C-alpha atoms as a PDB file:
ATOM      1  CA  MET A   1      62.453  30.579 -83.278  1.00  0.00           C
ATOM      2  CA  LEU A   2      64.735  27.541 -83.461  1.00  0.00           C
ATOM      3  CA  ILE A   3      64.924  24.982 -80.625  1.00  0.00           C
ATOM      4  CA  ARG A   4      68.144  22.985 -80.733  1.00  0.00           C
ATOM      5  CA  SER A   5      70.652  21.133 -78.559  1.00  0.00           C
ATOM      6  CA  GLU A   6      73.262  23.296 -76.898  1.00  0.00           C
ATOM      7  CA  THR A   7      76.750  23.508 -78.314  1.00  0.00           C
ATOM      8  CA  PRO A   8      79.982  24.343 -76.421  1.00  0.00           C
ATOM      9  CA  ALA A   9      79.761  27.838 -77.917  1.00  0.00           C
ATOM     10  CA  ASP A  10      76.518  28.368 -76.082  1.00  0.00           C
ATOM     11  CA  HIS A  11      77.727  27.677 -72.532  1.00  0.00           C
ATOM     12  CA  ASP A  12      78.494  31.273 -71.510  1.00  0.00           C
ATOM     13  CA  ALA A  13      75.280  32.566 -73.030  1.00  0.00           C
ATOM     14  CA  ILE A  14      73.287  29.902 -71.178  1.00  0.00           C
ATOM     15  CA  HIS A  15      74.999  30.853 -67.929  1.00  0.00           C
ATOM     16  CA  GLU A  16      74.240  34.574 -68.381  1.00  0.00           C
ATOM     17  CA  LEU A  17      70.670  33.918 -69.495  1.00  0.00           C
ATOM     18  CA  THR A  18      69.990  31.640 -66.512  1.00  0.00           C
ATOM     19  CA  TRP A  19      71.470  34.147 -64.061  1.00  0.00           C
ATOM     20  CA  ALA A  20      69.452  37.042 -65.543  1.00  0.00           C
ATOM     21  CA  ALA A  21      66.194  34.974 -65.604  1.00  0.00           C
ATOM     22  CA  PHE A  22      66.422  33.867 -61.988  1.00  0.00           C
ATOM     23  CA  LYS A  23      67.887  37.009 -60.377  1.00  0.00           C
ATOM     24  CA  PRO A  24      64.566  38.765 -59.846  1.00  0.00           C
ATOM     25  CA  MET A  25      62.759  35.627 -58.632  1.00  0.00           C
ATOM     26  CA  PRO A  26      62.000  35.620 -54.874  1.00  0.00           C
ATOM     27  CA  PHE A  27      62.418  31.852 -54.649  1.00  0.00           C
ATOM     28  CA  SER A  28      65.862  31.863 -56.262  1.00  0.00           C
ATOM     29  CA  ASP A  29      68.951  31.098 -54.189  1.00  0.00           C
ATOM     30  CA  ASP A  30      71.175  32.377 -57.048  1.00  0.00           C
ATOM     31  CA  THR A  31      72.570  28.871 -57.772  1.00  0.00           C
ATOM     32  CA  GLU A  32      70.658  28.043 -60.908  1.00  0.00           C
ATOM     33  CA  ALA A  33      73.318  29.049 -63.460  1.00  0.00           C
ATOM     34  CA  ASP A  34      76.016  27.177 -61.490  1.00  0.00           C
ATOM     35  CA  ILE A  35      73.751  24.099 -61.310  1.00  0.00           C
ATOM     36  CA  ILE A  36      73.874  23.901 -65.116  1.00  0.00           C
ATOM     37  CA  ARG A  37      77.614  24.170 -65.193  1.00  0.00           C
ATOM     38  CA  THR A  38      77.903  21.500 -62.557  1.00  0.00           C
ATOM     39  CA  LEU A  39      75.458  19.211 -64.399  1.00  0.00           C
ATOM     40  CA  ARG A  40      77.589  19.596 -67.514  1.00  0.00           C
ATOM     41  CA  ALA A  41      80.888  19.046 -65.670  1.00  0.00           C
ATOM     42  CA  ASP A  42      79.564  15.918 -63.891  1.00  0.00           C
ATOM     43  CA  GLY A  43      78.218  14.429 -67.086  1.00  0.00           C
ATOM     44  CA  ASP A  44      74.676  14.664 -65.692  1.00  0.00           C
ATOM     45  CA  LEU A  45      73.220  16.971 -68.278  1.00  0.00           C
ATOM     46  CA  ALA A  46      71.092  14.490 -70.166  1.00  0.00           C
ATOM     47  CA  ILE A  47      69.309  16.998 -72.416  1.00  0.00           C
ATOM     48  CA  SER A  48      70.148  20.688 -72.789  1.00  0.00           C
ATOM     49  CA  LEU A  49      68.115  22.639 -75.279  1.00  0.00           C
ATOM     50  CA  VAL A  50      68.257  26.341 -76.315  1.00  0.00           C
ATOM     51  CA  ALA A  51      65.668  28.533 -77.965  1.00  0.00           C
ATOM     52  CA  GLU A  52      67.361  30.759 -80.454  1.00  0.00           C
ATOM     53  CA  ASP A  53      65.743  33.725 -82.086  1.00  0.00           C
ATOM     54  CA  GLY A  54      67.632  35.864 -84.616  1.00  0.00           C
ATOM     55  CA  GLY A  55      70.899  34.272 -83.572  1.00  0.00           C
ATOM     56  CA  GLU A  56      70.317  35.141 -79.858  1.00  0.00           C
ATOM     57  CA  ILE A  57      69.673  32.509 -77.199  1.00  0.00           C
ATOM     58  CA  VAL A  58      66.415  33.520 -75.495  1.00  0.00           C
ATOM     59  CA  GLY A  59      65.649  30.355 -73.570  1.00  0.00           C
ATOM     60  CA  HIS A  60      67.207  27.223 -72.131  1.00  0.00           C
ATOM     61  CA  VAL A  61      65.995  24.007 -70.479  1.00  0.00           C
ATOM     62  CA  ALA A  62      68.009  21.240 -68.760  1.00  0.00           C
ATOM     63  CA  PHE A  63      67.043  17.650 -67.983  1.00  0.00           C
ATOM     64  CA  SER A  64      68.991  15.254 -65.734  1.00  0.00           C
ATOM     65  CA  ARG A  65      68.383  11.844 -64.258  1.00  0.00           C
ATOM     66  CA  VAL A  66      66.537  11.487 -60.958  1.00  0.00           C
ATOM     67  CA  THR A  67      65.859   8.578 -58.728  1.00  0.00           C
ATOM     68  CA  ILE A  68      62.764   7.649 -56.782  1.00  0.00           C
ATOM     69  CA  ASP A  69      63.363   5.895 -53.424  1.00  0.00           C
ATOM     70  CA  GLY A  70      66.963   5.503 -54.606  1.00  0.00           C
ATOM     71  CA  VAL A  71      65.987   3.562 -57.763  1.00  0.00           C
ATOM     72  CA  ASP A  72      66.988   4.731 -61.233  1.00  0.00           C
ATOM     73  CA  ASP A  73      63.887   3.766 -63.232  1.00  0.00           C
ATOM     74  CA  ASN A  74      64.702   5.938 -66.267  1.00  0.00           C
ATOM     75  CA  TRP A  75      63.138   9.075 -64.820  1.00  0.00           C
ATOM     76  CA  PHE A  76      64.409  12.591 -65.472  1.00  0.00           C
ATOM     77  CA  GLY A  77      64.174  15.944 -63.757  1.00  0.00           C
ATOM     78  CA  LEU A  78      63.286  19.152 -65.536  1.00  0.00           C
ATOM     79  CA  GLY A  79      65.215  22.203 -64.625  1.00  0.00           C
ATOM     80  CA  PRO A  80      66.514  24.753 -64.486  1.00  0.00           C
ATOM     81  CA  ILE A  81      64.500  26.328 -67.246  1.00  0.00           C
ATOM     82  CA  SER A  82      65.134  29.975 -68.163  1.00  0.00           C
ATOM     83  CA  VAL A  83      63.687  32.490 -70.538  1.00  0.00           C
ATOM     84  CA  LYS A  84      65.267  35.875 -71.146  1.00  0.00           C
ATOM     85  CA  PRO A  85      63.611  38.689 -69.207  1.00  0.00           C
ATOM     86  CA  GLY A  86      61.433  40.644 -71.642  1.00  0.00           C
ATOM     87  CA  ARG A  87      60.704  37.444 -73.605  1.00  0.00           C
ATOM     88  CA  GLN A  88      58.850  35.588 -70.860  1.00  0.00           C
ATOM     89  CA  ARG A  89      55.198  34.656 -71.227  1.00  0.00           C
ATOM     90  CA  GLN A  90      55.565  34.284 -74.990  1.00  0.00           C
ATOM     91  CA  GLY A  91      55.514  30.514 -75.190  1.00  0.00           C
ATOM     92  CA  ILE A  92      59.305  30.000 -75.268  1.00  0.00           C
ATOM     93  CA  GLY A  93      59.420  27.996 -72.031  1.00  0.00           C
ATOM     94  CA  LYS A  94      56.396  25.894 -73.107  1.00  0.00           C
ATOM     95  CA  ALA A  95      58.100  25.140 -76.441  1.00  0.00           C
ATOM     96  CA  LEU A  96      61.372  24.166 -74.710  1.00  0.00           C
ATOM     97  CA  ILE A  97      59.541  21.843 -72.296  1.00  0.00           C
ATOM     98  CA  ALA A  98      57.521  20.227 -75.153  1.00  0.00           C
ATOM     99  CA  ALA A  99      60.692  19.631 -77.209  1.00  0.00           C
ATOM    100  CA  GLY A 100      62.531  18.149 -74.167  1.00  0.00           C
ATOM    101  CA  LEU A 101      59.658  15.872 -73.270  1.00  0.00           C
ATOM    102  CA  LYS A 102      59.451  14.716 -76.880  1.00  0.00           C
ATOM    103  CA  LEU A 103      63.144  13.775 -76.788  1.00  0.00           C
ATOM    104  CA  LEU A 104      62.713  11.947 -73.489  1.00  0.00           C
ATOM    105  CA  ASP A 105      59.774  10.029 -74.881  1.00  0.00           C
ATOM    106  CA  GLU A 106      61.744   9.100 -78.037  1.00  0.00           C
ATOM    107  CA  GLN A 107      64.565   7.881 -75.809  1.00  0.00           C
ATOM    108  CA  GLY A 108      62.243   5.599 -73.901  1.00  0.00           C
ATOM    109  CA  ALA A 109      62.187   7.559 -70.616  1.00  0.00           C
ATOM    110  CA  SER A 110      59.582   6.553 -67.973  1.00  0.00           C
ATOM    111  CA  GLY A 111      58.798  10.105 -67.132  1.00  0.00           C
ATOM    112  CA  CYS A 112      59.848  13.521 -65.933  1.00  0.00           C
ATOM    113  CA  ALA A 113      59.567  15.181 -62.521  1.00  0.00           C
ATOM    114  CA  LEU A 114      60.149  18.731 -61.280  1.00  0.00           C
ATOM    115  CA  ILE A 115      59.747  21.094 -58.388  1.00  0.00           C
ATOM    116  CA  GLY A 116      57.690  24.089 -59.339  1.00  0.00           C
ATOM    117  CA  SER A 117      54.373  25.912 -59.459  1.00  0.00           C
ATOM    118  CA  PRO A 118      51.390  23.821 -60.467  1.00  0.00           C
ATOM    119  CA  ASP A 119      49.948  26.955 -62.081  1.00  0.00           C
ATOM    120  CA  VAL A 120      52.859  27.011 -64.509  1.00  0.00           C
ATOM    121  CA  TYR A 121      53.603  23.317 -65.197  1.00  0.00           C
ATOM    122  CA  SER A 122      50.114  21.806 -65.204  1.00  0.00           C
ATOM    123  CA  HIS A 123      49.699  23.371 -68.679  1.00  0.00           C
ATOM    124  CA  ALA A 124      52.519  21.112 -69.868  1.00  0.00           C
ATOM    125  CA  GLY A 125      50.790  17.994 -68.459  1.00  0.00           C
ATOM    126  CA  PHE A 126      52.560  17.805 -65.078  1.00  0.00           C
ATOM    127  CA  VAL A 127      50.484  16.701 -62.057  1.00  0.00           C
ATOM    128  CA  SER A 128      50.973  16.604 -58.340  1.00  0.00           C
ATOM    129  CA  ASP A 129      49.086  13.924 -56.490  1.00  0.00           C
ATOM    130  CA  GLY A 130      51.158  13.706 -53.294  1.00  0.00           C
ATOM    131  CA  GLN A 131      52.782  10.388 -54.360  1.00  0.00           C
ATOM    132  CA  LEU A 132      56.225  11.999 -54.889  1.00  0.00           C
ATOM    133  CA  THR A 133      58.047  13.793 -52.113  1.00  0.00           C
ATOM    134  CA  TYR A 134      61.168  15.956 -52.123  1.00  0.00           C
ATOM    135  CA  LEU A 135      62.823  16.869 -48.820  1.00  0.00           C
ATOM    136  CA  ASP A 136      60.392  18.963 -46.806  1.00  0.00           C
ATOM    137  CA  ILE A 137      58.785  20.791 -49.806  1.00  0.00           C
ATOM    138  CA  ASP A 138      55.009  20.869 -49.945  1.00  0.00           C
ATOM    139  CA  THR A 139      54.020  17.933 -52.216  1.00  0.00           C
ATOM    140  CA  ARG A 140      51.808  20.156 -54.379  1.00  0.00           C
ATOM    141  CA  TYR A 141      55.126  21.566 -55.825  1.00  0.00           C
ATOM    142  CA  VAL A 142      56.519  18.098 -56.516  1.00  0.00           C
ATOM    143  CA  GLN A 143      55.144  17.199 -59.926  1.00  0.00           C
ATOM    144  CA  ARG A 144      55.498  14.452 -62.501  1.00  0.00           C
ATOM    145  CA  LEU A 145      54.527  13.460 -66.011  1.00  0.00           C
ATOM    146  CA  VAL A 146      54.397   9.738 -66.768  1.00  0.00           C
ATOM    147  CA  LEU A 147      55.571   8.810 -70.248  1.00  0.00           C
ATOM    148  CA  ARG A 148      55.332   5.054 -69.775  1.00  0.00           C
ATOM    149  CA  GLY A 149      54.884   2.694 -66.927  1.00  0.00           C
ATOM    150  CA  PRO A 150      53.295   3.094 -63.525  1.00  0.00           C
ATOM    151  CA  VAL A 151      52.770   6.276 -61.592  1.00  0.00           C
ATOM    152  CA  PRO A 152      55.797   6.714 -59.278  1.00  0.00           C
ATOM    153  CA  ARG A 153      55.589   6.829 -55.546  1.00  0.00           C
ATOM    154  CA  GLY A 154      58.429   7.747 -53.132  1.00  0.00           C
ATOM    155  CA  ALA A 155      61.122  10.202 -52.411  1.00  0.00           C
ATOM    156  CA  LEU A 156      62.543  12.068 -55.414  1.00  0.00           C
ATOM    157  CA  SER A 157      66.315  12.644 -55.534  1.00  0.00           C
ATOM    158  CA  PHE A 158      68.208  14.844 -57.940  1.00  0.00           C
ATOM    159  CA  VAL A 159      71.880  14.535 -58.921  1.00  0.00           C
ATOM    160  CA  ARG A 160      74.780  16.220 -57.028  1.00  0.00           C
ATOM    161  CA  ALA A 161      74.485  19.533 -58.841  1.00  0.00           C
ATOM    162  CA  PHE A 162      71.199  20.146 -56.942  1.00  0.00           C
ATOM    163  CA  GLY A 163      72.759  19.296 -53.636  1.00  0.00           C
ATOM    164  CA  GLY A 164      71.528  15.723 -53.821  1.00  0.00           C
END
């Protein structure tokens, strides 16, 4: 499996993959594929990686800037992340996250935040300590991974593509 940056030729495959991966999820509002297109169109897609196996895109992860209490302190948000149905739970998502976090670290990012299940993301080093909030979501789902600097505290805001 090859993990690489997206190319323009990948855009439609990423859209279809994201739609297929999120369609059966009970928490999905069916906007995830469009979020990626909007991130790209707005210039907010900081990192976009695909997992390719045998010439087929089987996974994708997006990272975009976030602010905490309205301050851009070089933090990024992870998501959406998608793995092709039938290929999930094989380590593809974990590999995409690790590759993205490595790039963020190399670029000097302060850290990464996300909204998601602690059962899934704690294995990648994300923690929830109640210091970050996002709208009215239970803080246990608001997670962060510090790459450098202090532990953040405050209200997390995502870019426009997420409705922020």
